[in-house]
């Protein structure tokens, strides 16, 4: 879900990883392998870069993480 939200917002992994202060590889690993690895600080730039619909997608991904 985080990958889908990022793509819908129009950010590359490189751009969001730079804004989050982590390496491209770290962000890609967090996004693709286990959402449990994300820190909320890494998701903040994704949320802040989004329009209203994008923010809903990011929040949905966060909610699904806590509900699973």
PDB file of N, CA and C in Angstrom:
ATOM      1  N   UNK A   1       0.814  -1.204   0.000  1.00  0.00           N
ATOM      2  CA  UNK A   1       0.000   0.000   0.000  1.00  0.00           C
ATOM      3  C   UNK A   1       0.856   1.266   0.000  1.00  0.00           C
ATOM      4  N   UNK A   2       1.988   1.224   0.705  1.00  0.00           N
ATOM      5  CA  UNK A   2       2.859   2.404   0.723  1.00  0.00           C
ATOM      6  C   UNK A   2       3.435   2.671  -0.665  1.00  0.00           C
ATOM      7  N   UNK A   3       3.768   1.634  -1.371  1.00  0.00           N
ATOM      8  CA  UNK A   3       4.292   1.782  -2.734  1.00  0.00           C
ATOM      9  C   UNK A   3       3.227   2.407  -3.632  1.00  0.00           C
ATOM     10  N   UNK A   4       2.006   1.922  -3.538  1.00  0.00           N
ATOM     11  CA  UNK A   4       0.915   2.475  -4.334  1.00  0.00           C
ATOM     12  C   UNK A   4       0.658   3.931  -4.024  1.00  0.00           C
ATOM     13  N   UNK A   5       0.695   4.276  -2.745  1.00  0.00           N
ATOM     14  CA  UNK A   5       0.489   5.671  -2.336  1.00  0.00           C
ATOM     15  C   UNK A   5       1.601   6.549  -2.887  1.00  0.00           C
ATOM     16  N   UNK A   6       2.846   6.087  -2.787  1.00  0.00           N
ATOM     17  CA  UNK A   6       3.982   6.869  -3.291  1.00  0.00           C
ATOM     18  C   UNK A   6       3.858   7.108  -4.786  1.00  0.00           C
ATOM     19  N   UNK A   7       3.495   6.057  -5.519  1.00  0.00           N
ATOM     20  CA  UNK A   7       3.356   6.188  -6.968  1.00  0.00           C
ATOM     21  C   UNK A   7       2.200   7.117  -7.331  1.00  0.00           C
ATOM     22  N   UNK A   8       1.101   7.028  -6.596  1.00  0.00           N
ATOM     23  CA  UNK A   8      -0.048   7.903  -6.863  1.00  0.00           C
ATOM     24  C   UNK A   8       0.292   9.361  -6.601  1.00  0.00           C
ATOM     25  N   UNK A   9       1.147   9.602  -5.619  1.00  0.00           N
ATOM     26  CA  UNK A   9       1.574  10.962  -5.298  1.00  0.00           C
ATOM     27  C   UNK A   9       2.561  11.470  -6.346  1.00  0.00           C
ATOM     28  N   UNK A  10       3.234  10.551  -7.022  1.00  0.00           N
ATOM     29  CA  UNK A  10       4.161  10.935  -8.079  1.00  0.00           C
ATOM     30  C   UNK A  10       5.589  11.095  -7.614  1.00  0.00           C
ATOM     31  N   UNK A  11       5.957  10.423  -6.545  1.00  0.00           N
ATOM     32  CA  UNK A  11       7.327  10.497  -6.033  1.00  0.00           C
ATOM     33  C   UNK A  11       8.085   9.224  -6.352  1.00  0.00           C
ATOM     34  N   UNK A  12       9.336   9.369  -6.685  1.00  0.00           N
ATOM     35  CA  UNK A  12      10.205   8.207  -6.872  1.00  0.00           C
ATOM     36  C   UNK A  12      10.724   7.766  -5.508  1.00  0.00           C
ATOM     37  N   UNK A  13      11.214   6.536  -5.440  1.00  0.00           N
ATOM     38  CA  UNK A  13      11.812   6.086  -4.186  1.00  0.00           C
ATOM     39  C   UNK A  13      13.012   6.957  -3.836  1.00  0.00           C
ATOM     40  N   UNK A  14      13.730   7.385  -4.854  1.00  0.00           N
ATOM     41  CA  UNK A  14      14.891   8.243  -4.625  1.00  0.00           C
ATOM     42  C   UNK A  14      14.485   9.567  -3.980  1.00  0.00           C
ATOM     43  N   UNK A  15      13.423  10.174  -4.492  1.00  0.00           N
ATOM     44  CA  UNK A  15      12.986  11.470  -3.961  1.00  0.00           C
ATOM     45  C   UNK A  15      12.492  11.345  -2.526  1.00  0.00           C
ATOM     46  N   UNK A  16      11.658  10.360  -2.266  1.00  0.00           N
ATOM     47  CA  UNK A  16      11.098  10.234  -0.915  1.00  0.00           C
ATOM     48  C   UNK A  16      12.160   9.774   0.082  1.00  0.00           C
ATOM     49  N   UNK A  17      13.091   8.935  -0.356  1.00  0.00           N
ATOM     50  CA  UNK A  17      14.148   8.506   0.562  1.00  0.00           C
ATOM     51  C   UNK A  17      15.051   9.679   0.930  1.00  0.00           C
ATOM     52  N   UNK A  18      15.314  10.551  -0.040  1.00  0.00           N
ATOM     53  CA  UNK A  18      16.133  11.734   0.249  1.00  0.00           C
ATOM     54  C   UNK A  18      15.416  12.648   1.243  1.00  0.00           C
ATOM     55  N   UNK A  19      14.120  12.851   1.049  1.00  0.00           N
ATOM     56  CA  UNK A  19      13.346  13.694   1.983  1.00  0.00           C
ATOM     57  C   UNK A  19      13.272  13.071   3.371  1.00  0.00           C
ATOM     58  N   UNK A  20      13.262  11.730   3.426  1.00  0.00           N
ATOM     59  CA  UNK A  20      13.155  11.031   4.708  1.00  0.00           C
ATOM     60  C   UNK A  20      14.504  10.877   5.400  1.00  0.00           C
ATOM     61  N   UNK A  21      15.574  11.146   4.670  1.00  0.00           N
ATOM     62  CA  UNK A  21      16.907  11.042   5.265  1.00  0.00           C
ATOM     63  C   UNK A  21      17.409   9.617   5.392  1.00  0.00           C
ATOM     64  N   UNK A  22      16.971   8.738   4.477  1.00  0.00           N
ATOM     65  CA  UNK A  22      17.469   7.361   4.459  1.00  0.00           C
ATOM     66  C   UNK A  22      17.966   7.058   3.048  1.00  0.00           C
ATOM     67  N   UNK A  23      18.715   5.984   2.915  1.00  0.00           N
ATOM     68  CA  UNK A  23      19.221   5.617   1.594  1.00  0.00           C
ATOM     69  C   UNK A  23      18.092   5.082   0.723  1.00  0.00           C
ATOM     70  N   UNK A  24      18.301   5.143  -0.588  1.00  0.00           N
ATOM     71  CA  UNK A  24      17.332   4.583  -1.532  1.00  0.00           C
ATOM     72  C   UNK A  24      17.079   3.109  -1.226  1.00  0.00           C
ATOM     73  N   UNK A  25      18.167   2.387  -0.967  1.00  0.00           N
ATOM     74  CA  UNK A  25      18.057   0.950  -0.705  1.00  0.00           C
ATOM     75  C   UNK A  25      17.234   0.689   0.557  1.00  0.00           C
ATOM     76  N   UNK A  26      17.477   1.456   1.607  1.00  0.00           N
ATOM     77  CA  UNK A  26      16.720   1.274   2.852  1.00  0.00           C
ATOM     78  C   UNK A  26      15.244   1.540   2.626  1.00  0.00           C
ATOM     79  N   UNK A  27      14.926   2.636   1.940  1.00  0.00           N
ATOM     80  CA  UNK A  27      13.516   2.951   1.708  1.00  0.00           C
ATOM     81  C   UNK A  27      12.852   1.875   0.857  1.00  0.00           C
ATOM     82  N   UNK A  28      13.524   1.435  -0.197  1.00  0.00           N
ATOM     83  CA  UNK A  28      12.973   0.387  -1.062  1.00  0.00           C
ATOM     84  C   UNK A  28      12.744  -0.899  -0.286  1.00  0.00           C
ATOM     85  N   UNK A  29      13.688  -1.252   0.576  1.00  0.00           N
ATOM     86  CA  UNK A  29      13.539  -2.451   1.391  1.00  0.00           C
ATOM     87  C   UNK A  29      12.337  -2.325   2.309  1.00  0.00           C
ATOM     88  N   UNK A  30      12.195  -1.183   2.951  1.00  0.00           N
ATOM     89  CA  UNK A  30      11.054  -0.975   3.852  1.00  0.00           C
ATOM     90  C   UNK A  30       9.745  -1.061   3.088  1.00  0.00           C
ATOM     91  N   UNK A  31       9.728  -0.489   1.912  1.00  0.00           N
ATOM     92  CA  UNK A  31       8.506  -0.443   1.117  1.00  0.00           C
ATOM     93  C   UNK A  31       8.142  -1.816   0.544  1.00  0.00           C
ATOM     94  N   UNK A  32       9.126  -2.564   0.108  1.00  0.00           N
ATOM     95  CA  UNK A  32       8.856  -3.800  -0.624  1.00  0.00           C
ATOM     96  C   UNK A  32       8.883  -5.072   0.206  1.00  0.00           C
ATOM     97  N   UNK A  33       9.613  -5.084   1.277  1.00  0.00           N
ATOM     98  CA  UNK A  33       9.789  -6.338   2.001  1.00  0.00           C
ATOM     99  C   UNK A  33       8.925  -6.448   3.245  1.00  0.00           C
ATOM    100  N   UNK A  34       8.861  -5.410   4.035  1.00  0.00           N
ATOM    101  CA  UNK A  34       8.110  -5.507   5.281  1.00  0.00           C
ATOM    102  C   UNK A  34       7.740  -4.108   5.748  1.00  0.00           C
ATOM    103  N   UNK A  35       6.466  -3.796   5.695  1.00  0.00           N
ATOM    104  CA  UNK A  35       6.015  -2.480   6.139  1.00  0.00           C
ATOM    105  C   UNK A  35       6.306  -2.249   7.611  1.00  0.00           C
ATOM    106  N   UNK A  36       6.580  -3.325   8.353  1.00  0.00           N
ATOM    107  CA  UNK A  36       6.905  -3.182   9.761  1.00  0.00           C
ATOM    108  C   UNK A  36       8.228  -2.461   9.967  1.00  0.00           C
ATOM    109  N   UNK A  37       9.022  -2.344   8.925  1.00  0.00           N
ATOM    110  CA  UNK A  37      10.327  -1.710   9.045  1.00  0.00           C
ATOM    111  C   UNK A  37      10.250  -0.188   8.960  1.00  0.00           C
ATOM    112  N   UNK A  38       9.132   0.351   8.461  1.00  0.00           N
ATOM    113  CA  UNK A  38       9.011   1.798   8.349  1.00  0.00           C
ATOM    114  C   UNK A  38       8.993   2.460   9.715  1.00  0.00           C
ATOM    115  N   UNK A  39       9.628   3.604   9.785  1.00  0.00           N
ATOM    116  CA  UNK A  39       9.479   4.493  10.938  1.00  0.00           C
ATOM    117  C   UNK A  39       8.533   5.597  10.493  1.00  0.00           C
ATOM    118  N   UNK A  40       7.708   6.078  11.380  1.00  0.00           N
ATOM    119  CA  UNK A  40       6.763   7.124  11.003  1.00  0.00           C
ATOM    120  C   UNK A  40       7.488   8.340  10.442  1.00  0.00           C
ATOM    121  N   UNK A  41       8.678   8.617  10.918  1.00  0.00           N
ATOM    122  CA  UNK A  41       9.471   9.742  10.418  1.00  0.00           C
ATOM    123  C   UNK A  41       9.765   9.582   8.930  1.00  0.00           C
ATOM    124  N   UNK A  42       9.892   8.333   8.463  1.00  0.00           N
ATOM    125  CA  UNK A  42      10.162   8.082   7.053  1.00  0.00           C
ATOM    126  C   UNK A  42       8.911   8.277   6.194  1.00  0.00           C
ATOM    127  N   UNK A  43       7.749   8.171   6.798  1.00  0.00           N
ATOM    128  CA  UNK A  43       6.495   8.328   6.059  1.00  0.00           C
ATOM    129  C   UNK A  43       6.009   9.775   6.037  1.00  0.00           C
ATOM    130  N   UNK A  44       6.521  10.588   6.928  1.00  0.00           N
ATOM    131  CA  UNK A  44       6.082  11.978   7.015  1.00  0.00           C
ATOM    132  C   UNK A  44       6.271  12.743   5.706  1.00  0.00           C
ATOM    133  N   UNK A  45       7.436  12.648   5.028  1.00  0.00           N
ATOM    134  CA  UNK A  45       7.591  13.385   3.768  1.00  0.00           C
ATOM    135  C   UNK A  45       6.611  12.916   2.694  1.00  0.00           C
ATOM    136  N   UNK A  46       6.305  11.626   2.700  1.00  0.00           N
ATOM    137  CA  UNK A  46       5.344  11.090   1.745  1.00  0.00           C
ATOM    138  C   UNK A  46       3.980  11.732   1.980  1.00  0.00           C
ATOM    139  N   UNK A  47       3.566  11.785   3.236  1.00  0.00           N
ATOM    140  CA  UNK A  47       2.282  12.384   3.590  1.00  0.00           C
ATOM    141  C   UNK A  47       2.253  13.880   3.272  1.00  0.00           C
ATOM    142  N   UNK A  48       3.301  14.574   3.626  1.00  0.00           N
ATOM    143  CA  UNK A  48       3.338  16.027   3.426  1.00  0.00           C
ATOM    144  C   UNK A  48       3.396  16.429   1.954  1.00  0.00           C
ATOM    145  N   UNK A  49       3.902  15.547   1.109  1.00  0.00           N
ATOM    146  CA  UNK A  49       3.995  15.849  -0.323  1.00  0.00           C
ATOM    147  C   UNK A  49       2.697  15.576  -1.068  1.00  0.00           C
ATOM    148  N   UNK A  50       1.775  14.931  -0.407  1.00  0.00           N
ATOM    149  CA  UNK A  50       0.561  14.464  -1.078  1.00  0.00           C
ATOM    150  C   UNK A  50      -0.538  15.518  -1.100  1.00  0.00           C
ATOM    151  N   UNK A  51      -1.402  15.383  -2.107  1.00  0.00           N
ATOM    152  CA  UNK A  51      -2.632  16.161  -2.115  1.00  0.00           C
ATOM    153  C   UNK A  51      -3.633  15.438  -1.196  1.00  0.00           C
ATOM    154  N   UNK A  52      -4.861  15.895  -1.155  1.00  0.00           N
ATOM    155  CA  UNK A  52      -5.846  15.320  -0.235  1.00  0.00           C
ATOM    156  C   UNK A  52      -6.062  13.825  -0.488  1.00  0.00           C
ATOM    157  N   UNK A  53      -6.175  13.435  -1.746  1.00  0.00           N
ATOM    158  CA  UNK A  53      -6.371  12.017  -2.074  1.00  0.00           C
ATOM    159  C   UNK A  53      -5.148  11.191  -1.702  1.00  0.00           C
ATOM    160  N   UNK A  54      -3.971  11.715  -1.973  1.00  0.00           N
ATOM    161  CA  UNK A  54      -2.739  11.022  -1.623  1.00  0.00           C
ATOM    162  C   UNK A  54      -2.601  10.837  -0.120  1.00  0.00           C
ATOM    163  N   UNK A  55      -2.991  11.853   0.648  1.00  0.00           N
ATOM    164  CA  UNK A  55      -2.936  11.741   2.110  1.00  0.00           C
ATOM    165  C   UNK A  55      -3.857  10.632   2.595  1.00  0.00           C
ATOM    166  N   UNK A  56      -5.003  10.482   1.954  1.00  0.00           N
ATOM    167  CA  UNK A  56      -5.920   9.395   2.324  1.00  0.00           C
ATOM    168  C   UNK A  56      -5.281   8.037   2.044  1.00  0.00           C
ATOM    169  N   UNK A  57      -4.572   7.917   0.928  1.00  0.00           N
ATOM    170  CA  UNK A  57      -3.896   6.664   0.596  1.00  0.00           C
ATOM    171  C   UNK A  57      -2.810   6.321   1.611  1.00  0.00           C
ATOM    172  N   UNK A  58      -2.015   7.321   1.995  1.00  0.00           N
ATOM    173  CA  UNK A  58      -0.960   7.095   2.985  1.00  0.00           C
ATOM    174  C   UNK A  58      -1.580   6.698   4.325  1.00  0.00           C
ATOM    175  N   UNK A  59      -2.615   7.396   4.736  1.00  0.00           N
ATOM    176  CA  UNK A  59      -3.263   7.073   6.012  1.00  0.00           C
ATOM    177  C   UNK A  59      -3.910   5.693   5.971  1.00  0.00           C
ATOM    178  N   UNK A  60      -4.459   5.312   4.834  1.00  0.00           N
ATOM    179  CA  UNK A  60      -5.026   3.975   4.696  1.00  0.00           C
ATOM    180  C   UNK A  60      -3.945   2.912   4.869  1.00  0.00           C
ATOM    181  N   UNK A  61      -2.788   3.138   4.280  1.00  0.00           N
ATOM    182  CA  UNK A  61      -1.678   2.191   4.416  1.00  0.00           C
ATOM    183  C   UNK A  61      -1.230   2.092   5.874  1.00  0.00           C
ATOM    184  N   UNK A  62      -1.166   3.226   6.563  1.00  0.00           N
ATOM    185  CA  UNK A  62      -0.781   3.222   7.980  1.00  0.00           C
ATOM    186  C   UNK A  62      -1.828   2.498   8.806  1.00  0.00           C
ATOM    187  N   UNK A  63      -3.101   2.762   8.550  1.00  0.00           N
ATOM    188  CA  UNK A  63      -4.177   2.088   9.287  1.00  0.00           C
ATOM    189  C   UNK A  63      -4.114   0.582   9.069  1.00  0.00           C
ATOM    190  N   UNK A  64      -3.897   0.149   7.834  1.00  0.00           N
ATOM    191  CA  UNK A  64      -3.824  -1.284   7.550  1.00  0.00           C
ATOM    192  C   UNK A  64      -2.661  -1.938   8.286  1.00  0.00           C
ATOM    193  N   UNK A  65      -1.564  -1.204   8.412  1.00  0.00           N
ATOM    194  CA  UNK A  65      -0.420  -1.738   9.158  1.00  0.00           C
ATOM    195  C   UNK A  65      -0.810  -2.008  10.607  1.00  0.00           C
ATOM    196  N   UNK A  66      -1.499  -1.064  11.242  1.00  0.00           N
ATOM    197  CA  UNK A  66      -1.852  -1.230  12.646  1.00  0.00           C
ATOM    198  C   UNK A  66      -2.994  -2.225  12.851  1.00  0.00           C
ATOM    199  N   UNK A  67      -3.832  -2.424  11.842  1.00  0.00           N
ATOM    200  CA  UNK A  67      -4.953  -3.344  11.966  1.00  0.00           C
ATOM    201  C   UNK A  67      -4.550  -4.789  11.692  1.00  0.00           C
ATOM    202  N   UNK A  68      -3.442  -4.988  10.988  1.00  0.00           N
ATOM    203  CA  UNK A  68      -3.040  -6.356  10.659  1.00  0.00           C
ATOM    204  C   UNK A  68      -2.263  -7.011  11.774  1.00  0.00           C
TER     205      UNK A  68
END
